[in-house]
Amino acid sequence: METPTLLQQIADNWLLVWMGTFFIGVILWVLRPGSRKQYADTANIPFRNEDRPAPRKDADGVARDTKELQS
């Protein structure tokens, strides 16, 4: 075998092993115990203000109710 071809095969194999290990690590990280609450909270972000929209913030960052702004 030529040297460049041998080096290419070794690099390809190690890259495959590294990517497989990384993939398994990500899956284990997502499915770790205790992460269910965090993911459930993140999944419910769009539904937090179902009754009415969130209050607007003025330029100074203070939250104002929309009724206060109309009067």
Foldseek 3Di string as FASTA:
>chain_A
DDPVVVVVVVVVVVVVVVVVVVVVVVVCVCPPPPCPVVVVVVVCVVVPPVPDDFFDADPVRDGDHVVVVVD
